[in-house]
Amino acid sequence: MRPGREARQRLDAIVELELESEEDVPLVEDFPLHPEEETPEFLHLAATLQLRMIRAVEHWNGNTRLTLARLIVRAFEPEGGQRGGR
């Protein structure tokens, strides 16, 4: 087995465990902001807040099982909904 393929399989297994755990970040978070590590447009902070806004809207609409991990995976899945080339 090639090292890249093995690493991908391990990563897929970690993602699956994360999704099955249904553990999510707290509804109210306190996360530090490091302006010196941000882009001038604060793109990292903007992306973080957009993901949390999407999750909040989903929860408001009744989809309370949606976790931040599931949302991130969903954002990067191909249209067919299959992860890891399976």
PDB file of N, CA and C in Angstrom:
ATOM      1  N   MET A   1       0.837  -1.178   0.000  1.00  0.00           N
ATOM      2  CA  MET A   1       0.000   0.000   0.000  1.00  0.00           C
ATOM      3  C   MET A   1       0.884   1.243   0.000  1.00  0.00           C
ATOM      4  N   ARG A   2       0.521   2.216  -0.812  1.00  0.00           N
ATOM      5  CA  ARG A   2       1.302   3.448  -0.884  1.00  0.00           C
ATOM      6  C   ARG A   2       1.068   4.294   0.364  1.00  0.00           C
ATOM      7  N   PRO A   3       2.120   5.032   0.808  1.00  0.00           N
ATOM      8  CA  PRO A   3       1.974   5.871   2.010  1.00  0.00           C
ATOM      9  C   PRO A   3       0.843   6.890   1.881  1.00  0.00           C
ATOM     10  N   GLY A   4       0.660   7.475   0.716  1.00  0.00           N
ATOM     11  CA  GLY A   4      -0.404   8.464   0.541  1.00  0.00           C
ATOM     12  C   GLY A   4      -1.781   7.860   0.699  1.00  0.00           C
ATOM     13  N   ARG A   5      -1.942   6.663   0.176  1.00  0.00           N
ATOM     14  CA  ARG A   5      -3.233   5.976   0.276  1.00  0.00           C
ATOM     15  C   ARG A   5      -3.524   5.581   1.729  1.00  0.00           C
ATOM     16  N   GLU A   6      -2.494   5.121   2.412  1.00  0.00           N
ATOM     17  CA  GLU A   6      -2.651   4.737   3.820  1.00  0.00           C
ATOM     18  C   GLU A   6      -3.010   5.954   4.672  1.00  0.00           C
ATOM     19  N   ALA A   7      -2.349   7.060   4.414  1.00  0.00           N
ATOM     20  CA  ALA A   7      -2.653   8.292   5.152  1.00  0.00           C
ATOM     21  C   ALA A   7      -4.082   8.739   4.878  1.00  0.00           C
ATOM     22  N   ARG A   8      -4.523   8.627   3.643  1.00  0.00           N
ATOM     23  CA  ARG A   8      -5.890   9.014   3.291  1.00  0.00           C
ATOM     24  C   ARG A   8      -6.912   8.130   4.005  1.00  0.00           C
ATOM     25  N   GLN A   9      -6.626   6.837   4.092  1.00  0.00           N
ATOM     26  CA  GLN A   9      -7.524   5.919   4.785  1.00  0.00           C
ATOM     27  C   GLN A   9      -7.603   6.249   6.272  1.00  0.00           C
ATOM     28  N   ARG A  10      -6.465   6.591   6.866  1.00  0.00           N
ATOM     29  CA  ARG A  10      -6.460   6.994   8.278  1.00  0.00           C
ATOM     30  C   ARG A  10      -7.263   8.271   8.479  1.00  0.00           C
ATOM     31  N   LEU A  11      -7.074   9.224   7.577  1.00  0.00           N
ATOM     32  CA  LEU A  11      -7.818  10.475   7.665  1.00  0.00           C
ATOM     33  C   LEU A  11      -9.319  10.230   7.519  1.00  0.00           C
ATOM     34  N   ASP A  12      -9.706   9.380   6.573  1.00  0.00           N
ATOM     35  CA  ASP A  12     -11.120   9.039   6.394  1.00  0.00           C
ATOM     36  C   ASP A  12     -11.687   8.410   7.667  1.00  0.00           C
ATOM     37  N   ALA A  13     -10.910   7.538   8.313  1.00  0.00           N
ATOM     38  CA  ALA A  13     -11.362   6.892   9.544  1.00  0.00           C
ATOM     39  C   ALA A  13     -11.554   7.914  10.665  1.00  0.00           C
ATOM     40  N   ILE A  14     -10.642   8.878  10.756  1.00  0.00           N
ATOM     41  CA  ILE A  14     -10.757   9.931  11.771  1.00  0.00           C
ATOM     42  C   ILE A  14     -12.005  10.774  11.527  1.00  0.00           C
ATOM     43  N   VAL A  15     -12.257  11.126  10.274  1.00  0.00           N
ATOM     44  CA  VAL A  15     -13.439  11.920   9.933  1.00  0.00           C
ATOM     45  C   VAL A  15     -14.701  11.144  10.290  1.00  0.00           C
ATOM     46  N   GLU A  16     -14.737   9.867   9.970  1.00  0.00           N
ATOM     47  CA  GLU A  16     -15.908   9.039  10.291  1.00  0.00           C
ATOM     48  C   GLU A  16     -16.155   9.009  11.803  1.00  0.00           C
ATOM     49  N   LEU A  17     -15.102   8.837  12.586  1.00  0.00           N
ATOM     50  CA  LEU A  17     -15.247   8.835  14.041  1.00  0.00           C
ATOM     51  C   LEU A  17     -15.785  10.171  14.543  1.00  0.00           C
ATOM     52  N   GLU A  18     -15.285  11.247  13.984  1.00  0.00           N
ATOM     53  CA  GLU A  18     -15.738  12.588  14.376  1.00  0.00           C
ATOM     54  C   GLU A  18     -17.219  12.771  14.062  1.00  0.00           C
ATOM     55  N   LEU A  19     -17.638  12.302  12.900  1.00  0.00           N
ATOM     56  CA  LEU A  19     -19.034  12.448  12.500  1.00  0.00           C
ATOM     57  C   LEU A  19     -19.957  11.575  13.348  1.00  0.00           C
ATOM     58  N   GLU A  20     -19.500  10.380  13.701  1.00  0.00           N
ATOM     59  CA  GLU A  20     -20.314   9.476  14.506  1.00  0.00           C
ATOM     60  C   GLU A  20     -20.441   9.939  15.945  1.00  0.00           C
ATOM     61  N   SER A  21     -19.472  10.676  16.441  1.00  0.00           N
ATOM     62  CA  SER A  21     -19.491  11.094  17.842  1.00  0.00           C
ATOM     63  C   SER A  21     -20.625  12.070  18.135  1.00  0.00           C
ATOM     64  N   GLU A  22     -21.058  12.814  17.153  1.00  0.00           N
ATOM     65  CA  GLU A  22     -22.111  13.829  17.286  1.00  0.00           C
ATOM     66  C   GLU A  22     -21.767  14.887  18.337  1.00  0.00           C
ATOM     67  N   GLU A  23     -20.502  14.942  18.741  1.00  0.00           N
ATOM     68  CA  GLU A  23     -20.065  15.975  19.673  1.00  0.00           C
ATOM     69  C   GLU A  23     -19.828  17.240  18.870  1.00  0.00           C
ATOM     70  N   ASP A  24     -20.260  18.351  19.403  1.00  0.00           N
ATOM     71  CA  ASP A  24     -20.157  19.613  18.678  1.00  0.00           C
ATOM     72  C   ASP A  24     -19.467  20.650  19.557  1.00  0.00           C
ATOM     73  N   VAL A  25     -19.089  21.727  18.933  1.00  0.00           N
ATOM     74  CA  VAL A  25     -18.545  22.848  19.701  1.00  0.00           C
ATOM     75  C   VAL A  25     -19.693  23.444  20.511  1.00  0.00           C
ATOM     76  N   PRO A  26     -19.408  24.129  21.606  1.00  0.00           N
ATOM     77  CA  PRO A  26     -20.481  24.720  22.411  1.00  0.00           C
ATOM     78  C   PRO A  26     -21.306  25.724  21.596  1.00  0.00           C
ATOM     79  N   LEU A  27     -22.571  25.893  21.975  1.00  0.00           N
ATOM     80  CA  LEU A  27     -23.422  26.856  21.277  1.00  0.00           C
ATOM     81  C   LEU A  27     -22.901  28.273  21.452  1.00  0.00           C
ATOM     82  N   VAL A  28     -22.283  28.547  22.594  1.00  0.00           N
ATOM     83  CA  VAL A  28     -21.640  29.840  22.823  1.00  0.00           C
ATOM     84  C   VAL A  28     -20.157  29.559  22.981  1.00  0.00           C
ATOM     85  N   GLU A  29     -19.358  30.130  22.092  1.00  0.00           N
ATOM     86  CA  GLU A  29     -17.926  29.863  22.091  1.00  0.00           C
ATOM     87  C   GLU A  29     -17.138  31.101  22.501  1.00  0.00           C
ATOM     88  N   ASP A  30     -16.034  30.844  23.107  1.00  0.00           N
ATOM     89  CA  ASP A  30     -15.065  31.891  23.398  1.00  0.00           C
ATOM     90  C   ASP A  30     -13.772  31.455  22.727  1.00  0.00           C
ATOM     91  N   PHE A  31     -13.511  32.011  21.549  1.00  0.00           N
ATOM     92  CA  PHE A  31     -12.270  31.637  20.889  1.00  0.00           C
ATOM     93  C   PHE A  31     -11.431  32.891  20.677  1.00  0.00           C
ATOM     94  N   PRO A  32     -10.122  32.741  20.920  1.00  0.00           N
ATOM     95  CA  PRO A  32      -9.240  33.912  20.829  1.00  0.00           C
ATOM     96  C   PRO A  32      -9.054  34.370  19.384  1.00  0.00           C
ATOM     97  N   LEU A  33      -8.888  35.629  19.231  1.00  0.00           N
ATOM     98  CA  LEU A  33      -8.600  36.214  17.928  1.00  0.00           C
ATOM     99  C   LEU A  33      -7.158  36.701  17.954  1.00  0.00           C
ATOM    100  N   HIS A  34      -6.397  36.265  16.979  1.00  0.00           N
ATOM    101  CA  HIS A  34      -4.996  36.667  16.880  1.00  0.00           C
ATOM    102  C   HIS A  34      -4.840  37.503  15.613  1.00  0.00           C
ATOM    103  N   PRO A  35      -5.034  38.810  15.729  1.00  0.00           N
ATOM    104  CA  PRO A  35      -4.986  39.667  14.538  1.00  0.00           C
ATOM    105  C   PRO A  35      -3.682  39.562  13.758  1.00  0.00           C
ATOM    106  N   GLU A  36      -2.585  39.296  14.452  1.00  0.00           N
ATOM    107  CA  GLU A  36      -1.304  39.209  13.752  1.00  0.00           C
ATOM    108  C   GLU A  36      -1.233  37.976  12.841  1.00  0.00           C
ATOM    109  N   GLU A  37      -2.095  36.984  13.065  1.00  0.00           N
ATOM    110  CA  GLU A  37      -2.117  35.779  12.240  1.00  0.00           C
ATOM    111  C   GLU A  37      -3.203  35.840  11.160  1.00  0.00           C
ATOM    112  N   GLU A  38      -3.988  36.875  11.173  1.00  0.00           N
ATOM    113  CA  GLU A  38      -5.093  37.008  10.222  1.00  0.00           C
ATOM    114  C   GLU A  38      -4.645  37.705   8.945  1.00  0.00           C
ATOM    115  N   THR A  39      -5.435  37.491   7.905  1.00  0.00           N
ATOM    116  CA  THR A  39      -5.223  38.240   6.669  1.00  0.00           C
ATOM    117  C   THR A  39      -5.758  39.654   6.887  1.00  0.00           C
ATOM    118  N   PRO A  40      -5.364  40.615   6.070  1.00  0.00           N
ATOM    119  CA  PRO A  40      -5.875  41.975   6.250  1.00  0.00           C
ATOM    120  C   PRO A  40      -7.406  42.052   6.190  1.00  0.00           C
ATOM    121  N   GLU A  41      -8.033  41.134   5.457  1.00  0.00           N
ATOM    122  CA  GLU A  41      -9.496  41.140   5.331  1.00  0.00           C
ATOM    123  C   GLU A  41     -10.161  40.256   6.395  1.00  0.00           C
ATOM    124  N   PHE A  42      -9.382  39.692   7.306  1.00  0.00           N
ATOM    125  CA  PHE A  42      -9.886  38.789   8.350  1.00  0.00           C
ATOM    126  C   PHE A  42     -10.667  37.622   7.739  1.00  0.00           C
ATOM    127  N   LEU A  43     -10.101  37.004   6.709  1.00  0.00           N
ATOM    128  CA  LEU A  43     -10.778  35.916   6.015  1.00  0.00           C
ATOM    129  C   LEU A  43     -10.993  34.687   6.895  1.00  0.00           C
ATOM    130  N   HIS A  44     -10.045  34.360   7.753  1.00  0.00           N
ATOM    131  CA  HIS A  44     -10.204  33.194   8.633  1.00  0.00           C
ATOM    132  C   HIS A  44     -11.345  33.419   9.614  1.00  0.00           C
ATOM    133  N   LEU A  45     -11.389  34.594  10.205  1.00  0.00           N
ATOM    134  CA  LEU A  45     -12.479  34.907  11.130  1.00  0.00           C
ATOM    135  C   LEU A  45     -13.813  34.912  10.395  1.00  0.00           C
ATOM    136  N   ALA A  46     -13.849  35.482   9.213  1.00  0.00           N
ATOM    137  CA  ALA A  46     -15.083  35.524   8.433  1.00  0.00           C
ATOM    138  C   ALA A  46     -15.579  34.122   8.108  1.00  0.00           C
ATOM    139  N   ALA A  47     -14.679  33.235   7.702  1.00  0.00           N
ATOM    140  CA  ALA A  47     -15.068  31.861   7.384  1.00  0.00           C
ATOM    141  C   ALA A  47     -15.584  31.144   8.631  1.00  0.00           C
ATOM    142  N   THR A  48     -14.913  31.344   9.750  1.00  0.00           N
ATOM    143  CA  THR A  48     -15.331  30.738  11.007  1.00  0.00           C
ATOM    144  C   THR A  48     -16.733  31.196  11.387  1.00  0.00           C
ATOM    145  N   LEU A  49     -16.974  32.485  11.300  1.00  0.00           N
ATOM    146  CA  LEU A  49     -18.279  33.020  11.664  1.00  0.00           C
ATOM    147  C   LEU A  49     -19.368  32.594  10.677  1.00  0.00           C
ATOM    148  N   GLN A  50     -19.022  32.485   9.396  1.00  0.00           N
ATOM    149  CA  GLN A  50     -20.010  32.038   8.404  1.00  0.00           C
ATOM    150  C   GLN A  50     -20.432  30.598   8.675  1.00  0.00           C
ATOM    151  N   LEU A  51     -19.479  29.729   9.003  1.00  0.00           N
ATOM    152  CA  LEU A  51     -19.823  28.338   9.326  1.00  0.00           C
ATOM    153  C   LEU A  51     -20.734  28.271  10.545  1.00  0.00           C
ATOM    154  N   ARG A  52     -20.437  29.074  11.549  1.00  0.00           N
ATOM    155  CA  ARG A  52     -21.276  29.073  12.745  1.00  0.00           C
ATOM    156  C   ARG A  52     -22.662  29.652  12.459  1.00  0.00           C
ATOM    157  N   MET A  53     -22.743  30.611  11.560  1.00  0.00           N
ATOM    158  CA  MET A  53     -24.039  31.178  11.180  1.00  0.00           C
ATOM    159  C   MET A  53     -24.886  30.133  10.447  1.00  0.00           C
ATOM    160  N   ILE A  54     -24.259  29.390   9.545  1.00  0.00           N
ATOM    161  CA  ILE A  54     -24.980  28.339   8.827  1.00  0.00           C
ATOM    162  C   ILE A  54     -25.503  27.306   9.809  1.00  0.00           C
ATOM    163  N   ARG A  55     -24.643  26.909  10.754  1.00  0.00           N
ATOM    164  CA  ARG A  55     -25.075  25.935  11.768  1.00  0.00           C
ATOM    165  C   ARG A  55     -26.220  26.494  12.606  1.00  0.00           C
ATOM    166  N   ALA A  56     -26.154  27.757  12.984  1.00  0.00           N
ATOM    167  CA  ALA A  56     -27.218  28.377  13.781  1.00  0.00           C
ATOM    168  C   ALA A  56     -28.545  28.395  13.026  1.00  0.00           C
ATOM    169  N   VAL A  57     -28.505  28.719  11.744  1.00  0.00           N
ATOM    170  CA  VAL A  57     -29.723  28.742  10.933  1.00  0.00           C
ATOM    171  C   VAL A  57     -30.300  27.332  10.810  1.00  0.00           C
ATOM    172  N   GLU A  58     -29.428  26.341  10.594  1.00  0.00           N
ATOM    173  CA  GLU A  58     -29.883  24.953  10.517  1.00  0.00           C
ATOM    174  C   GLU A  58     -30.541  24.531  11.831  1.00  0.00           C
ATOM    175  N   HIS A  59     -29.927  24.890  12.952  1.00  0.00           N
ATOM    176  CA  HIS A  59     -30.514  24.563  14.261  1.00  0.00           C
ATOM    177  C   HIS A  59     -31.853  25.277  14.422  1.00  0.00           C
ATOM    178  N   TRP A  60     -31.930  26.528  14.018  1.00  0.00           N
ATOM    179  CA  TRP A  60     -33.169  27.310  14.111  1.00  0.00           C
ATOM    180  C   TRP A  60     -34.277  26.640  13.301  1.00  0.00           C
ATOM    181  N   ASN A  61     -33.902  26.062  12.158  1.00  0.00           N
ATOM    182  CA  ASN A  61     -34.875  25.395  11.288  1.00  0.00           C
ATOM    183  C   ASN A  61     -35.172  23.959  11.721  1.00  0.00           C
ATOM    184  N   GLY A  62     -34.635  23.533  12.851  1.00  0.00           N
ATOM    185  CA  GLY A  62     -34.967  22.221  13.391  1.00  0.00           C
ATOM    186  C   GLY A  62     -33.929  21.138  13.182  1.00  0.00           C
ATOM    187  N   ASN A  63     -32.879  21.413  12.435  1.00  0.00           N
ATOM    188  CA  ASN A  63     -31.839  20.422  12.188  1.00  0.00           C
ATOM    189  C   ASN A  63     -30.787  20.513  13.299  1.00  0.00           C
ATOM    190  N   THR A  64     -31.191  20.150  14.517  1.00  0.00           N
ATOM    191  CA  THR A  64     -30.306  20.312  15.675  1.00  0.00           C
ATOM    192  C   THR A  64     -29.211  19.255  15.749  1.00  0.00           C
ATOM    193  N   ARG A  65     -29.287  18.225  14.907  1.00  0.00           N
ATOM    194  CA  ARG A  65     -28.243  17.188  14.903  1.00  0.00           C
ATOM    195  C   ARG A  65     -27.038  17.586  14.052  1.00  0.00           C
ATOM    196  N   LEU A  66     -27.158  18.673  13.303  1.00  0.00           N
ATOM    197  CA  LEU A  66     -26.039  19.118  12.473  1.00  0.00           C
ATOM    198  C   LEU A  66     -24.926  19.651  13.358  1.00  0.00           C
ATOM    199  N   THR A  67     -23.743  19.054  13.231  1.00  0.00           N
ATOM    200  CA  THR A  67     -22.584  19.522  13.985  1.00  0.00           C
ATOM    201  C   THR A  67     -21.684  20.324  13.055  1.00  0.00           C
ATOM    202  N   LEU A  68     -20.778  21.042  13.640  1.00  0.00           N
ATOM    203  CA  LEU A  68     -19.835  21.822  12.843  1.00  0.00           C
ATOM    204  C   LEU A  68     -18.991  20.901  11.960  1.00  0.00           C
ATOM    205  N   ALA A  69     -18.605  19.748  12.492  1.00  0.00           N
ATOM    206  CA  ALA A  69     -17.812  18.784  11.702  1.00  0.00           C
ATOM    207  C   ALA A  69     -18.603  18.313  10.486  1.00  0.00           C
ATOM    208  N   ARG A  70     -19.877  17.976  10.679  1.00  0.00           N
ATOM    209  CA  ARG A  70     -20.705  17.533   9.550  1.00  0.00           C
ATOM    210  C   ARG A  70     -20.866  18.649   8.522  1.00  0.00           C
ATOM    211  N   LEU A  71     -21.001  19.866   8.995  1.00  0.00           N
ATOM    212  CA  LEU A  71     -21.151  21.004   8.096  1.00  0.00           C
ATOM    213  C   LEU A  71     -19.897  21.199   7.247  1.00  0.00           C
ATOM    214  N   ILE A  72     -18.738  21.078   7.865  1.00  0.00           N
ATOM    215  CA  ILE A  72     -17.477  21.234   7.130  1.00  0.00           C
ATOM    216  C   ILE A  72     -17.317  20.125   6.102  1.00  0.00           C
ATOM    217  N   VAL A  73     -17.605  18.888   6.490  1.00  0.00           N
ATOM    218  CA  VAL A  73     -17.502  17.768   5.554  1.00  0.00           C
ATOM    219  C   VAL A  73     -18.477  17.975   4.406  1.00  0.00           C
ATOM    220  N   ARG A  74     -19.707  18.381   4.726  1.00  0.00           N
ATOM    221  CA  ARG A  74     -20.720  18.622   3.688  1.00  0.00           C
ATOM    222  C   ARG A  74     -20.258  19.699   2.707  1.00  0.00           C
ATOM    223  N   ALA A  75     -19.555  20.701   3.205  1.00  0.00           N
ATOM    224  CA  ALA A  75     -19.096  21.792   2.346  1.00  0.00           C
ATOM    225  C   ALA A  75     -18.046  21.327   1.335  1.00  0.00           C
ATOM    226  N   PHE A  76     -17.303  20.280   1.687  1.00  0.00           N
ATOM    227  CA  PHE A  76     -16.229  19.827   0.811  1.00  0.00           C
ATOM    228  C   PHE A  76     -16.539  18.532   0.073  1.00  0.00           C
ATOM    229  N   GLU A  77     -17.734  17.989   0.265  1.00  0.00           N
ATOM    230  CA  GLU A  77     -18.114  16.775  -0.453  1.00  0.00           C
ATOM    231  C   GLU A  77     -18.394  17.102  -1.911  1.00  0.00           C
ATOM    232  N   PRO A  78     -18.048  16.177  -2.794  1.00  0.00           N
ATOM    233  CA  PRO A  78     -18.465  16.365  -4.186  1.00  0.00           C
ATOM    234  C   PRO A  78     -19.993  16.266  -4.256  1.00  0.00           C
ATOM    235  N   GLU A  79     -20.564  16.695  -5.355  1.00  0.00           N
ATOM    236  CA  GLU A  79     -22.021  16.749  -5.465  1.00  0.00           C
ATOM    237  C   GLU A  79     -22.690  15.411  -5.210  1.00  0.00           C
ATOM    238  N   GLY A  80     -22.038  14.307  -5.525  1.00  0.00           N
ATOM    239  CA  GLY A  80     -22.614  13.001  -5.311  1.00  0.00           C
ATOM    240  C   GLY A  80     -22.731  12.611  -3.846  1.00  0.00           C
ATOM    241  N   GLY A  81     -22.049  13.364  -2.961  1.00  0.00           N
ATOM    242  CA  GLY A  81     -22.130  13.110  -1.544  1.00  0.00           C
ATOM    243  C   GLY A  81     -21.189  12.024  -1.029  1.00  0.00           C
ATOM    244  N   GLN A  82     -20.269  11.545  -1.864  1.00  0.00           N
ATOM    245  CA  GLN A  82     -19.339  10.492  -1.451  1.00  0.00           C
ATOM    246  C   GLN A  82     -18.026  11.127  -1.013  1.00  0.00           C
ATOM    247  N   ARG A  83     -17.511  10.653   0.120  1.00  0.00           N
ATOM    248  CA  ARG A  83     -16.209  11.130   0.615  1.00  0.00           C
ATOM    249  C   ARG A  83     -15.142  10.119   0.275  1.00  0.00           C
ATOM    250  N   GLY A  84     -13.927  10.583   0.129  1.00  0.00           N
ATOM    251  CA  GLY A  84     -12.768   9.706   0.006  1.00  0.00           C
ATOM    252  C   GLY A  84     -12.741   8.860  -1.252  1.00  0.00           C
ATOM    253  N   GLY A  85     -13.469   9.272  -2.271  1.00  0.00           N
ATOM    254  CA  GLY A  85     -13.439   8.541  -3.518  1.00  0.00           C
ATOM    255  C   GLY A  85     -14.150   7.200  -3.463  1.00  0.00           C
ATOM    256  N   ARG A  86     -14.968   6.969  -2.434  1.00  0.00           N
ATOM    257  CA  ARG A  86     -15.693   5.697  -2.321  1.00  0.00           C
ATOM    258  C   ARG A  86     -16.979   5.741  -3.079  1.00  0.00           C
TER     259      ARG A  86
END
